[in-house]
Amino acid sequence: MKMSYEQIMKDLKNKVYRPVYFLAGQEPYFIDRITEYIASHALPEEARSFNQMIVYGRDTSAHEIVDLARRFPMMSSHQVVIVKEAQDLPSLEAFEHYLNDPMKSTILVINYKYKTLSNRLKVYKALEKNGIYFESKKLYENSIPLWIENYLKSKGYSMNPGVGMLLTEHLGSDLNRIAGELDKLMIVLPKNENTVTAKHIEEYIGISKEYNNFELTSALARKDILKSNRIVKHFGNHPKNYSITLTLAAIYFFFSKSLVYHYLSNKSRDEAARVLGIHSFHMKDYEAAARNYSAEKLKQIISLLREYDVKSKGFIPVSAEDGDLLKELIYKILH
């Protein structure tokens, strides 16, 4: 059967284990967390040396994995067999017969990262009857700040508005990387500080709370020429830390959503935030952009962004450095 991450984790925490977990999909974070939980909790520590095995798809075959899964545990009620990098297995056919009649004393965990299983395959149909199929999907970037907020909440922390966007902008959508940075941050935070702020992000993770794409789009929304140029100058002076590709993408994301906002019939903050797929805290920037730029100007800006994206990637020969290209673009946006 198919189950969500939350359903699987709820069962695991209630000590409800299934004979087979087939964990597939593009987002490794959720696959890793499920696998780690089973590895750490399904067996008592003293039983793991004899009854917990980890194998790799590139080094084994489905037949060999089935042979392992059919073994009886030693001095334990269960054994755990974890298959990492199962996407490297040459074939999955040998699993079909096993999945039709899996060992009740084995918990077989198959990590099938970056791929999915077709529901037309016999293996999939067997999983529907006797195992769990979980597809770990990549989160859309606009969902990452909420995921960060929930992750911190699960650890007993909260965050100030804007922190999630700041982290997403600089760390991207790699949840393992984001979780790693947050875990390190929570270790070094003073004992009585349970709210993560932009200052913490700057001090402990090294992301500037003043010079970032979020602050740039906010300055552009307000037509703050001085602040916009100060940020762009900083970007140009530190090209290794600020990718023009990411900056152009952030500006494009902001102004394309600002154009959508222009045409909304219901511009209440909560409804507009829902339609745009953003946190309502950030709506003040879109409201400012709507006041300062007409729909026609926004269309021109989006056209400019496409032009400068092509220039920055070298498809149109230009002699300017990335920093100069960005200065030129910002001037055209603001004037």
C-alpha atoms as a PDB file:
ATOM      1  CA  MET A   1       0.000   0.000   0.000  1.00  0.00           C
ATOM      2  CA  LYS A   2       1.043   3.620  -0.455  1.00  0.00           C
ATOM      3  CA  MET A   3       1.628   5.640   2.693  1.00  0.00           C
ATOM      4  CA  SER A   4       2.767   9.166   3.452  1.00  0.00           C
ATOM      5  CA  TYR A   5       5.912  10.000   5.408  1.00  0.00           C
ATOM      6  CA  GLU A   6       3.822  11.132   8.372  1.00  0.00           C
ATOM      7  CA  GLN A   7       1.783   7.900   8.392  1.00  0.00           C
ATOM      8  CA  ILE A   8       4.901   5.726   8.199  1.00  0.00           C
ATOM      9  CA  MET A   9       6.670   7.609  10.994  1.00  0.00           C
ATOM     10  CA  LYS A  10       3.555   7.491  13.191  1.00  0.00           C
ATOM     11  CA  ASP A  11       3.404   3.697  12.781  1.00  0.00           C
ATOM     12  CA  LEU A  12       7.120   3.282  13.449  1.00  0.00           C
ATOM     13  CA  LYS A  13       6.931   5.346  16.632  1.00  0.00           C
ATOM     14  CA  ASN A  14       4.030   3.137  17.735  1.00  0.00           C
ATOM     15  CA  LYS A  15       6.238   0.082  17.004  1.00  0.00           C
ATOM     16  CA  VAL A  16       4.072  -1.023  14.075  1.00  0.00           C
ATOM     17  CA  TYR A  17       6.487  -2.520  11.542  1.00  0.00           C
ATOM     18  CA  ARG A  18       5.683  -3.859   8.075  1.00  0.00           C
ATOM     19  CA  PRO A  19       7.575  -6.702   6.348  1.00  0.00           C
ATOM     20  CA  VAL A  20       8.709  -4.522   3.402  1.00  0.00           C
ATOM     21  CA  TYR A  21       9.350  -0.803   2.918  1.00  0.00           C
ATOM     22  CA  PHE A  22      10.067   0.233  -0.662  1.00  0.00           C
ATOM     23  CA  LEU A  23      11.238   3.859  -0.416  1.00  0.00           C
ATOM     24  CA  ALA A  24      11.503   5.579  -3.797  1.00  0.00           C
ATOM     25  CA  GLY A  25      11.608   9.101  -5.202  1.00  0.00           C
ATOM     26  CA  GLN A  26      13.607  12.248  -5.842  1.00  0.00           C
ATOM     27  CA  GLU A  27      13.916  13.600  -2.274  1.00  0.00           C
ATOM     28  CA  PRO A  28      16.478  11.550  -0.307  1.00  0.00           C
ATOM     29  CA  TYR A  29      15.772  13.269   3.025  1.00  0.00           C
ATOM     30  CA  PHE A  30      12.544  11.392   3.835  1.00  0.00           C
ATOM     31  CA  ILE A  31      13.981   8.075   2.625  1.00  0.00           C
ATOM     32  CA  ASP A  32      17.012   8.562   4.884  1.00  0.00           C
ATOM     33  CA  ARG A  33      14.911   9.475   7.923  1.00  0.00           C
ATOM     34  CA  ILE A  34      12.648   6.413   7.625  1.00  0.00           C
ATOM     35  CA  THR A  35      15.641   4.125   7.094  1.00  0.00           C
ATOM     36  CA  GLU A  36      17.572   5.623  10.011  1.00  0.00           C
ATOM     37  CA  TYR A  37      14.595   5.291  12.346  1.00  0.00           C
ATOM     38  CA  ILE A  38      14.114   1.612  11.516  1.00  0.00           C
ATOM     39  CA  ALA A  39      17.871   0.961  11.845  1.00  0.00           C
ATOM     40  CA  SER A  40      17.912   2.629  15.278  1.00  0.00           C
ATOM     41  CA  HIS A  41      14.626   1.389  16.756  1.00  0.00           C
ATOM     42  CA  ALA A  42      13.384  -1.839  15.171  1.00  0.00           C
ATOM     43  CA  LEU A  43      15.863  -4.010  17.099  1.00  0.00           C
ATOM     44  CA  PRO A  44      17.427  -3.626  20.537  1.00  0.00           C
ATOM     45  CA  GLU A  45      21.065  -2.599  20.280  1.00  0.00           C
ATOM     46  CA  GLU A  46      22.398  -5.962  21.482  1.00  0.00           C
ATOM     47  CA  ALA A  47      20.537  -7.787  18.667  1.00  0.00           C
ATOM     48  CA  ARG A  48      21.774  -5.650  15.776  1.00  0.00           C
ATOM     49  CA  SER A  49      25.189  -7.238  15.282  1.00  0.00           C
ATOM     50  CA  PHE A  50      23.581 -10.580  14.324  1.00  0.00           C
ATOM     51  CA  ASN A  51      20.238  -9.477  12.935  1.00  0.00           C
ATOM     52  CA  GLN A  52      20.758  -6.201  11.071  1.00  0.00           C
ATOM     53  CA  MET A  53      22.408  -6.187   7.655  1.00  0.00           C
ATOM     54  CA  ILE A  54      23.101  -3.333   5.239  1.00  0.00           C
ATOM     55  CA  VAL A  55      23.854  -4.132   1.595  1.00  0.00           C
ATOM     56  CA  TYR A  56      24.319  -1.954  -1.498  1.00  0.00           C
ATOM     57  CA  GLY A  57      22.631  -2.320  -4.852  1.00  0.00           C
ATOM     58  CA  ARG A  58      25.838  -2.028  -6.838  1.00  0.00           C
ATOM     59  CA  ASP A  59      27.470  -4.858  -4.873  1.00  0.00           C
ATOM     60  CA  THR A  60      24.659  -7.403  -4.795  1.00  0.00           C
ATOM     61  CA  SER A  61      21.626  -8.736  -6.657  1.00  0.00           C
ATOM     62  CA  ALA A  62      17.925  -9.017  -5.914  1.00  0.00           C
ATOM     63  CA  HIS A  63      18.324 -12.805  -5.600  1.00  0.00           C
ATOM     64  CA  GLU A  64      21.006 -12.414  -2.895  1.00  0.00           C
ATOM     65  CA  ILE A  65      18.860  -9.872  -1.029  1.00  0.00           C
ATOM     66  CA  VAL A  66      15.896 -12.259  -1.092  1.00  0.00           C
ATOM     67  CA  ASP A  67      18.130 -15.020   0.318  1.00  0.00           C
ATOM     68  CA  LEU A  68      19.115 -12.694   3.174  1.00  0.00           C
ATOM     69  CA  ALA A  69      15.484 -11.729   3.788  1.00  0.00           C
ATOM     70  CA  ARG A  70      14.440 -15.397   3.987  1.00  0.00           C
ATOM     71  CA  ARG A  71      16.881 -16.167   6.782  1.00  0.00           C
ATOM     72  CA  PHE A  72      15.562 -16.604  10.301  1.00  0.00           C
ATOM     73  CA  PRO A  73      16.751 -14.160  12.987  1.00  0.00           C
ATOM     74  CA  MET A  74      19.232 -15.321  15.620  1.00  0.00           C
ATOM     75  CA  MET A  75      17.980 -15.099  19.209  1.00  0.00           C
ATOM     76  CA  SER A  76      15.547 -12.345  18.222  1.00  0.00           C
ATOM     77  CA  SER A  77      11.982 -12.059  16.996  1.00  0.00           C
ATOM     78  CA  HIS A  78      13.028 -10.049  13.932  1.00  0.00           C
ATOM     79  CA  GLN A  79      15.879  -9.234  11.596  1.00  0.00           C
ATOM     80  CA  VAL A  80      16.354  -6.045   9.556  1.00  0.00           C
ATOM     81  CA  VAL A  81      17.756  -6.030   6.020  1.00  0.00           C
ATOM     82  CA  ILE A  82      18.486  -2.575   4.572  1.00  0.00           C
ATOM     83  CA  VAL A  83      19.240  -2.215   0.869  1.00  0.00           C
ATOM     84  CA  LYS A  84      20.901   1.105   0.024  1.00  0.00           C
ATOM     85  CA  GLU A  85      21.244   2.385  -3.558  1.00  0.00           C
ATOM     86  CA  ALA A  86      18.747  -0.216  -4.777  1.00  0.00           C
ATOM     87  CA  GLN A  87      18.357   1.870  -7.928  1.00  0.00           C
ATOM     88  CA  ASP A  88      21.695   0.329  -9.003  1.00  0.00           C
ATOM     89  CA  LEU A  89      20.285  -3.207  -8.958  1.00  0.00           C
ATOM     90  CA  PRO A  90      20.255  -4.661 -12.501  1.00  0.00           C
ATOM     91  CA  SER A  91      16.751  -6.088 -11.977  1.00  0.00           C
ATOM     92  CA  LEU A  92      13.934  -6.127  -9.440  1.00  0.00           C
ATOM     93  CA  GLU A  93      12.152  -9.209 -10.773  1.00  0.00           C
ATOM     94  CA  ALA A  94      13.450 -11.551  -8.045  1.00  0.00           C
ATOM     95  CA  PHE A  95      11.590  -9.451  -5.465  1.00  0.00           C
ATOM     96  CA  GLU A  96       8.207 -10.337  -6.970  1.00  0.00           C
ATOM     97  CA  HIS A  97       7.930 -13.843  -5.494  1.00  0.00           C
ATOM     98  CA  TYR A  98       9.296 -12.698  -2.146  1.00  0.00           C
ATOM     99  CA  LEU A  99       6.850  -9.784  -1.951  1.00  0.00           C
ATOM    100  CA  ASN A 100       3.945 -12.136  -2.570  1.00  0.00           C
ATOM    101  CA  ASP A 101       4.943 -14.070   0.550  1.00  0.00           C
ATOM    102  CA  PRO A 102       7.403 -12.040   2.671  1.00  0.00           C
ATOM    103  CA  MET A 103       8.951 -13.380   5.886  1.00  0.00           C
ATOM    104  CA  LYS A 104       7.023 -12.047   8.862  1.00  0.00           C
ATOM    105  CA  SER A 105      10.219 -12.074  10.932  1.00  0.00           C
ATOM    106  CA  THR A 106      12.095  -9.820   8.450  1.00  0.00           C
ATOM    107  CA  ILE A 107      11.834  -6.054   8.000  1.00  0.00           C
ATOM    108  CA  LEU A 108      13.171  -5.407   4.502  1.00  0.00           C
ATOM    109  CA  VAL A 109      13.932  -1.745   3.721  1.00  0.00           C
ATOM    110  CA  ILE A 110      14.706  -0.918   0.082  1.00  0.00           C
ATOM    111  CA  ASN A 111      16.119   2.549  -0.741  1.00  0.00           C
ATOM    112  CA  TYR A 112      15.333   3.287  -4.392  1.00  0.00           C
ATOM    113  CA  LYS A 113      16.485   6.905  -4.578  1.00  0.00           C
ATOM    114  CA  TYR A 114      15.959   9.294  -7.512  1.00  0.00           C
ATOM    115  CA  LYS A 115      13.682   6.809  -9.291  1.00  0.00           C
ATOM    116  CA  THR A 116      10.095   5.640  -8.953  1.00  0.00           C
ATOM    117  CA  LEU A 117       8.412   2.301  -9.484  1.00  0.00           C
ATOM    118  CA  SER A 118       5.851   1.968 -12.275  1.00  0.00           C
ATOM    119  CA  ASN A 119       2.466   0.850 -10.971  1.00  0.00           C
ATOM    120  CA  ARG A 120       2.248  -1.481 -13.974  1.00  0.00           C
ATOM    121  CA  LEU A 121       5.054  -3.700 -12.652  1.00  0.00           C
ATOM    122  CA  LYS A 122       4.242  -6.937 -10.834  1.00  0.00           C
ATOM    123  CA  VAL A 123       6.647  -5.877  -8.074  1.00  0.00           C
ATOM    124  CA  TYR A 124       4.493  -2.800  -7.443  1.00  0.00           C
ATOM    125  CA  LYS A 125       1.286  -4.845  -7.354  1.00  0.00           C
ATOM    126  CA  ALA A 126       2.868  -7.262  -4.862  1.00  0.00           C
ATOM    127  CA  LEU A 127       3.917  -4.302  -2.695  1.00  0.00           C
ATOM    128  CA  GLU A 128       0.330  -3.062  -2.669  1.00  0.00           C
ATOM    129  CA  LYS A 129      -0.704  -6.329  -0.988  1.00  0.00           C
ATOM    130  CA  ASN A 130       2.126  -7.080   1.410  1.00  0.00           C
ATOM    131  CA  GLY A 131       4.348  -4.032   1.855  1.00  0.00           C
ATOM    132  CA  ILE A 132       4.648  -0.269   1.930  1.00  0.00           C
ATOM    133  CA  TYR A 133       5.451   1.826  -1.127  1.00  0.00           C
ATOM    134  CA  PHE A 134       6.533   5.373  -0.328  1.00  0.00           C
ATOM    135  CA  GLU A 135       7.344   7.959  -2.979  1.00  0.00           C
ATOM    136  CA  SER A 136       9.508  10.778  -1.623  1.00  0.00           C
ATOM    137  CA  LYS A 137       8.759  13.853  -3.719  1.00  0.00           C
ATOM    138  CA  LYS A 138      10.858  17.006  -3.947  1.00  0.00           C
ATOM    139  CA  LEU A 139       9.256  19.938  -2.178  1.00  0.00           C
ATOM    140  CA  TYR A 140       8.531  23.040  -4.224  1.00  0.00           C
ATOM    141  CA  GLU A 141      10.816  25.876  -3.194  1.00  0.00           C
ATOM    142  CA  ASN A 142       7.930  27.947  -1.861  1.00  0.00           C
ATOM    143  CA  SER A 143       7.114  25.065   0.525  1.00  0.00           C
ATOM    144  CA  ILE A 144      10.615  24.942   2.041  1.00  0.00           C
ATOM    145  CA  PRO A 145      10.182  27.850   4.542  1.00  0.00           C
ATOM    146  CA  LEU A 146       7.127  26.113   6.046  1.00  0.00           C
ATOM    147  CA  TRP A 147       9.065  22.840   6.188  1.00  0.00           C
ATOM    148  CA  ILE A 148      11.885  24.667   8.042  1.00  0.00           C
ATOM    149  CA  GLU A 149       9.369  26.143  10.474  1.00  0.00           C
ATOM    150  CA  ASN A 150       7.869  22.700  11.162  1.00  0.00           C
ATOM    151  CA  TYR A 151      11.310  21.111  11.509  1.00  0.00           C
ATOM    152  CA  LEU A 152      12.317  23.661  14.132  1.00  0.00           C
ATOM    153  CA  LYS A 153       8.959  23.254  15.886  1.00  0.00           C
ATOM    154  CA  SER A 154       9.523  19.490  16.120  1.00  0.00           C
ATOM    155  CA  LYS A 155      12.783  20.248  17.979  1.00  0.00           C
ATOM    156  CA  GLY A 156      11.188  22.763  20.346  1.00  0.00           C
ATOM    157  CA  TYR A 157      12.252  25.919  18.462  1.00  0.00           C
ATOM    158  CA  SER A 158      10.477  28.688  16.565  1.00  0.00           C
ATOM    159  CA  MET A 159      11.762  31.201  14.030  1.00  0.00           C
ATOM    160  CA  ASN A 160      11.254  34.827  13.153  1.00  0.00           C
ATOM    161  CA  PRO A 161       9.468  35.697   9.884  1.00  0.00           C
ATOM    162  CA  GLY A 162      11.875  35.784   6.961  1.00  0.00           C
ATOM    163  CA  VAL A 163      14.312  33.227   8.369  1.00  0.00           C
ATOM    164  CA  GLY A 164      12.844  30.382   6.306  1.00  0.00           C
ATOM    165  CA  MET A 165      13.087  32.400   3.090  1.00  0.00           C
ATOM    166  CA  LEU A 166      16.648  33.449   3.922  1.00  0.00           C
ATOM    167  CA  LEU A 167      17.758  29.848   4.441  1.00  0.00           C
ATOM    168  CA  THR A 168      15.921  28.598   1.358  1.00  0.00           C
ATOM    169  CA  GLU A 169      17.483  31.257  -0.802  1.00  0.00           C
ATOM    170  CA  HIS A 170      21.031  30.309   0.205  1.00  0.00           C
ATOM    171  CA  LEU A 171      20.743  26.562   0.823  1.00  0.00           C
ATOM    172  CA  GLY A 172      18.269  25.695  -1.919  1.00  0.00           C
ATOM    173  CA  SER A 173      15.862  22.776  -1.607  1.00  0.00           C
ATOM    174  CA  ASP A 174      18.324  20.159  -0.317  1.00  0.00           C
ATOM    175  CA  LEU A 175      16.518  19.121   2.876  1.00  0.00           C
ATOM    176  CA  ASN A 176      19.436  17.070   4.192  1.00  0.00           C
ATOM    177  CA  ARG A 177      21.693  20.114   3.907  1.00  0.00           C
ATOM    178  CA  ILE A 178      19.125  22.438   5.501  1.00  0.00           C
ATOM    179  CA  ALA A 179      18.461  20.001   8.361  1.00  0.00           C
ATOM    180  CA  GLY A 180      22.213  19.614   8.912  1.00  0.00           C
ATOM    181  CA  GLU A 181      22.703  23.376   9.181  1.00  0.00           C
ATOM    182  CA  LEU A 182      19.721  23.733  11.524  1.00  0.00           C
ATOM    183  CA  ASP A 183      20.965  20.887  13.722  1.00  0.00           C
ATOM    184  CA  LYS A 184      24.370  22.558  14.036  1.00  0.00           C
ATOM    185  CA  LEU A 185      22.676  25.890  14.768  1.00  0.00           C
ATOM    186  CA  MET A 186      20.544  24.413  17.565  1.00  0.00           C
ATOM    187  CA  ILE A 187      23.661  22.967  19.200  1.00  0.00           C
ATOM    188  CA  VAL A 188      25.414  26.338  19.402  1.00  0.00           C
ATOM    189  CA  LEU A 189      22.418  28.504  20.338  1.00  0.00           C
ATOM    190  CA  PRO A 190      22.463  29.747  23.943  1.00  0.00           C
ATOM    191  CA  LYS A 191      20.299  27.610  26.257  1.00  0.00           C
ATOM    192  CA  ASN A 192      17.491  30.091  26.778  1.00  0.00           C
ATOM    193  CA  GLU A 193      17.217  31.169  23.124  1.00  0.00           C
ATOM    194  CA  ASN A 194      14.565  29.064  21.390  1.00  0.00           C
ATOM    195  CA  THR A 195      13.684  31.473  18.578  1.00  0.00           C
ATOM    196  CA  VAL A 196      15.920  31.429  15.505  1.00  0.00           C
ATOM    197  CA  THR A 197      16.536  34.920  14.121  1.00  0.00           C
ATOM    198  CA  ALA A 198      18.241  36.361  11.057  1.00  0.00           C
ATOM    199  CA  LYS A 199      21.091  37.405  13.365  1.00  0.00           C
ATOM    200  CA  HIS A 200      21.604  33.762  14.376  1.00  0.00           C
ATOM    201  CA  ILE A 201      21.653  32.740  10.706  1.00  0.00           C
ATOM    202  CA  GLU A 202      24.299  35.344   9.946  1.00  0.00           C
ATOM    203  CA  GLU A 203      26.409  34.587  13.027  1.00  0.00           C
ATOM    204  CA  TYR A 204      26.325  30.787  13.019  1.00  0.00           C
ATOM    205  CA  ILE A 205      25.613  29.771   9.402  1.00  0.00           C
ATOM    206  CA  GLY A 206      27.338  32.665   7.682  1.00  0.00           C
ATOM    207  CA  ILE A 207      24.431  33.978   5.605  1.00  0.00           C
ATOM    208  CA  SER A 208      24.236  37.770   5.599  1.00  0.00           C
ATOM    209  CA  LYS A 209      20.926  39.121   6.854  1.00  0.00           C
ATOM    210  CA  GLU A 210      21.566  42.394   5.005  1.00  0.00           C
ATOM    211  CA  TYR A 211      23.066  41.289   1.689  1.00  0.00           C
ATOM    212  CA  ASN A 212      20.881  38.591   0.167  1.00  0.00           C
ATOM    213  CA  ASN A 213      18.365  38.127  -2.629  1.00  0.00           C
ATOM    214  CA  PHE A 214      15.415  38.438  -0.259  1.00  0.00           C
ATOM    215  CA  GLU A 215      16.568  41.901   0.839  1.00  0.00           C
ATOM    216  CA  LEU A 216      17.262  42.844  -2.789  1.00  0.00           C
ATOM    217  CA  THR A 217      13.754  41.965  -4.009  1.00  0.00           C
ATOM    218  CA  SER A 218      12.291  43.767  -0.993  1.00  0.00           C
ATOM    219  CA  ALA A 219      14.304  46.912  -1.870  1.00  0.00           C
ATOM    220  CA  LEU A 220      13.262  46.649  -5.523  1.00  0.00           C
ATOM    221  CA  ALA A 221       9.606  46.311  -4.499  1.00  0.00           C
ATOM    222  CA  ARG A 222       9.862  49.631  -2.668  1.00  0.00           C
ATOM    223  CA  LYS A 223      11.977  51.250  -5.394  1.00  0.00           C
ATOM    224  CA  ASP A 224      14.656  51.852  -2.766  1.00  0.00           C
ATOM    225  CA  ILE A 225      17.421  52.869  -5.189  1.00  0.00           C
ATOM    226  CA  LEU A 226      20.128  53.373  -2.562  1.00  0.00           C
ATOM    227  CA  LYS A 227      19.613  50.010  -0.850  1.00  0.00           C
ATOM    228  CA  SER A 228      19.208  48.120  -4.141  1.00  0.00           C
ATOM    229  CA  ASN A 229      22.477  49.480  -5.482  1.00  0.00           C
ATOM    230  CA  ARG A 230      24.300  48.874  -2.198  1.00  0.00           C
ATOM    231  CA  ILE A 231      23.271  45.204  -2.241  1.00  0.00           C
ATOM    232  CA  VAL A 232      24.159  44.757  -5.918  1.00  0.00           C
ATOM    233  CA  LYS A 233      27.551  46.389  -5.353  1.00  0.00           C
ATOM    234  CA  HIS A 234      28.193  43.953  -2.484  1.00  0.00           C
ATOM    235  CA  PHE A 235      27.227  41.035  -4.753  1.00  0.00           C
ATOM    236  CA  GLY A 236      29.643  42.297  -7.413  1.00  0.00           C
ATOM    237  CA  ASN A 237      32.475  42.613  -4.893  1.00  0.00           C
ATOM    238  CA  HIS A 238      31.947  39.027  -3.689  1.00  0.00           C
ATOM    239  CA  PRO A 239      31.143  37.064  -6.879  1.00  0.00           C
ATOM    240  CA  LYS A 240      32.063  33.689  -5.360  1.00  0.00           C
ATOM    241  CA  ASN A 241      29.411  34.068  -2.679  1.00  0.00           C
ATOM    242  CA  TYR A 242      26.599  35.365  -4.872  1.00  0.00           C
ATOM    243  CA  SER A 243      25.601  33.536  -8.058  1.00  0.00           C
ATOM    244  CA  ILE A 244      24.003  35.793 -10.657  1.00  0.00           C
ATOM    245  CA  THR A 245      21.931  32.814 -11.796  1.00  0.00           C
ATOM    246  CA  LEU A 246      20.326  32.478  -8.363  1.00  0.00           C
ATOM    247  CA  THR A 247      19.847  36.236  -8.069  1.00  0.00           C
ATOM    248  CA  LEU A 248      18.118  36.451 -11.456  1.00  0.00           C
ATOM    249  CA  ALA A 249      15.929  33.479 -10.499  1.00  0.00           C
ATOM    250  CA  ALA A 250      14.948  35.165  -7.205  1.00  0.00           C
ATOM    251  CA  ILE A 251      14.071  38.452  -8.954  1.00  0.00           C
ATOM    252  CA  TYR A 252      12.126  36.584 -11.654  1.00  0.00           C
ATOM    253  CA  PHE A 253      10.219  34.608  -9.005  1.00  0.00           C
ATOM    254  CA  PHE A 254       9.304  37.833  -7.208  1.00  0.00           C
ATOM    255  CA  PHE A 255       8.212  39.910 -10.200  1.00  0.00           C
ATOM    256  CA  SER A 256       6.330  37.097 -11.945  1.00  0.00           C
ATOM    257  CA  LYS A 257       4.284  36.605  -8.760  1.00  0.00           C
ATOM    258  CA  SER A 258       3.865  40.380  -8.474  1.00  0.00           C
ATOM    259  CA  LEU A 259       2.299  40.343 -11.946  1.00  0.00           C
ATOM    260  CA  VAL A 260      -0.112  37.597 -10.867  1.00  0.00           C
ATOM    261  CA  TYR A 261      -0.974  39.662  -7.778  1.00  0.00           C
ATOM    262  CA  HIS A 262      -1.861  42.638 -10.014  1.00  0.00           C
ATOM    263  CA  TYR A 263      -4.699  40.657 -11.596  1.00  0.00           C
ATOM    264  CA  LEU A 264      -6.132  39.066  -8.445  1.00  0.00           C
ATOM    265  CA  SER A 265      -9.739  39.993  -7.780  1.00  0.00           C
ATOM    266  CA  ASN A 266      -9.368  39.225  -4.065  1.00  0.00           C
ATOM    267  CA  LYS A 267      -6.239  40.934  -2.751  1.00  0.00           C
ATOM    268  CA  SER A 268      -6.750  40.180   0.936  1.00  0.00           C
ATOM    269  CA  ARG A 269      -3.415  39.118   2.435  1.00  0.00           C
ATOM    270  CA  ASP A 270      -4.379  35.580   3.366  1.00  0.00           C
ATOM    271  CA  GLU A 271      -6.106  34.802   0.073  1.00  0.00           C
ATOM    272  CA  ALA A 272      -3.363  36.406  -2.034  1.00  0.00           C
ATOM    273  CA  ALA A 273      -0.684  34.507  -0.091  1.00  0.00           C
ATOM    274  CA  ARG A 274      -2.572  31.256  -0.699  1.00  0.00           C
ATOM    275  CA  VAL A 275      -2.843  31.871  -4.445  1.00  0.00           C
ATOM    276  CA  LEU A 276       0.807  32.960  -4.736  1.00  0.00           C
ATOM    277  CA  GLY A 277       1.995  30.061  -2.587  1.00  0.00           C
ATOM    278  CA  ILE A 278       3.915  32.202  -0.094  1.00  0.00           C
ATOM    279  CA  HIS A 279       3.799  33.076   3.618  1.00  0.00           C
ATOM    280  CA  SER A 280       1.445  35.974   4.339  1.00  0.00           C
ATOM    281  CA  PHE A 281       4.351  37.772   6.085  1.00  0.00           C
ATOM    282  CA  HIS A 282       5.913  38.410   2.657  1.00  0.00           C
ATOM    283  CA  MET A 283       2.751  39.940   1.158  1.00  0.00           C
ATOM    284  CA  LYS A 284       3.834  43.451   2.151  1.00  0.00           C
ATOM    285  CA  ASP A 285       6.558  43.292  -0.527  1.00  0.00           C
ATOM    286  CA  TYR A 286       4.070  42.249  -3.220  1.00  0.00           C
ATOM    287  CA  GLU A 287       1.693  44.996  -2.146  1.00  0.00           C
ATOM    288  CA  ALA A 288       4.556  47.504  -2.437  1.00  0.00           C
ATOM    289  CA  ALA A 289       5.484  46.191  -5.901  1.00  0.00           C
ATOM    290  CA  ALA A 290       1.868  46.555  -7.041  1.00  0.00           C
ATOM    291  CA  ARG A 291       1.897  50.192  -5.923  1.00  0.00           C
ATOM    292  CA  ASN A 292       5.241  50.997  -7.542  1.00  0.00           C
ATOM    293  CA  TYR A 293       5.050  49.068 -10.824  1.00  0.00           C
ATOM    294  CA  SER A 294       2.254  48.891 -13.336  1.00  0.00           C
ATOM    295  CA  ALA A 295       1.338  45.563 -14.916  1.00  0.00           C
ATOM    296  CA  GLU A 296       2.935  46.763 -18.138  1.00  0.00           C
ATOM    297  CA  LYS A 297       6.186  47.649 -16.358  1.00  0.00           C
ATOM    298  CA  LEU A 298       6.212  44.218 -14.680  1.00  0.00           C
ATOM    299  CA  LYS A 299       5.937  42.561 -18.092  1.00  0.00           C
ATOM    300  CA  GLN A 300       8.900  44.637 -19.286  1.00  0.00           C
ATOM    301  CA  ILE A 301      10.894  43.603 -16.194  1.00  0.00           C
ATOM    302  CA  ILE A 302      10.176  39.906 -16.826  1.00  0.00           C
ATOM    303  CA  SER A 303      11.322  40.366 -20.427  1.00  0.00           C
ATOM    304  CA  LEU A 304      14.497  42.081 -19.178  1.00  0.00           C
ATOM    305  CA  LEU A 305      15.185  39.228 -16.779  1.00  0.00           C
ATOM    306  CA  ARG A 306      14.991  36.697 -19.606  1.00  0.00           C
ATOM    307  CA  GLU A 307      17.377  38.822 -21.670  1.00  0.00           C
ATOM    308  CA  TYR A 308      19.937  39.142 -18.871  1.00  0.00           C
ATOM    309  CA  ASP A 309      19.643  35.467 -18.003  1.00  0.00           C
ATOM    310  CA  VAL A 310      20.677  34.636 -21.572  1.00  0.00           C
ATOM    311  CA  LYS A 311      23.523  37.182 -21.383  1.00  0.00           C
ATOM    312  CA  SER A 312      24.800  35.840 -18.055  1.00  0.00           C
ATOM    313  CA  LYS A 313      24.952  32.317 -19.493  1.00  0.00           C
ATOM    314  CA  GLY A 314      27.034  33.428 -22.458  1.00  0.00           C
ATOM    315  CA  PHE A 315      24.455  32.809 -25.190  1.00  0.00           C
ATOM    316  CA  ILE A 316      24.754  36.475 -26.156  1.00  0.00           C
ATOM    317  CA  PRO A 317      28.401  37.660 -26.212  1.00  0.00           C
ATOM    318  CA  VAL A 318      28.990  40.455 -23.688  1.00  0.00           C
ATOM    319  CA  SER A 319      32.205  41.844 -22.215  1.00  0.00           C
ATOM    320  CA  ALA A 320      30.685  42.843 -18.850  1.00  0.00           C
ATOM    321  CA  GLU A 321      31.298  40.917 -15.636  1.00  0.00           C
ATOM    322  CA  ASP A 322      28.322  39.431 -13.773  1.00  0.00           C
ATOM    323  CA  GLY A 323      28.362  42.279 -11.251  1.00  0.00           C
ATOM    324  CA  ASP A 324      28.180  44.884 -14.019  1.00  0.00           C
ATOM    325  CA  LEU A 325      25.385  42.999 -15.774  1.00  0.00           C
ATOM    326  CA  LEU A 326      23.406  42.978 -12.547  1.00  0.00           C
ATOM    327  CA  LYS A 327      23.971  46.713 -11.968  1.00  0.00           C
ATOM    328  CA  GLU A 328      22.775  47.423 -15.488  1.00  0.00           C
ATOM    329  CA  LEU A 329      19.662  45.274 -15.014  1.00  0.00           C
ATOM    330  CA  ILE A 330      18.766  46.847 -11.660  1.00  0.00           C
ATOM    331  CA  TYR A 331      19.095  50.331 -13.178  1.00  0.00           C
ATOM    332  CA  LYS A 332      16.642  49.378 -15.950  1.00  0.00           C
ATOM    333  CA  ILE A 333      14.195  47.872 -13.437  1.00  0.00           C
ATOM    334  CA  LEU A 334      14.203  50.960 -11.220  1.00  0.00           C
ATOM    335  CA  HIS A 335      14.055  53.591 -13.976  1.00  0.00           C
END
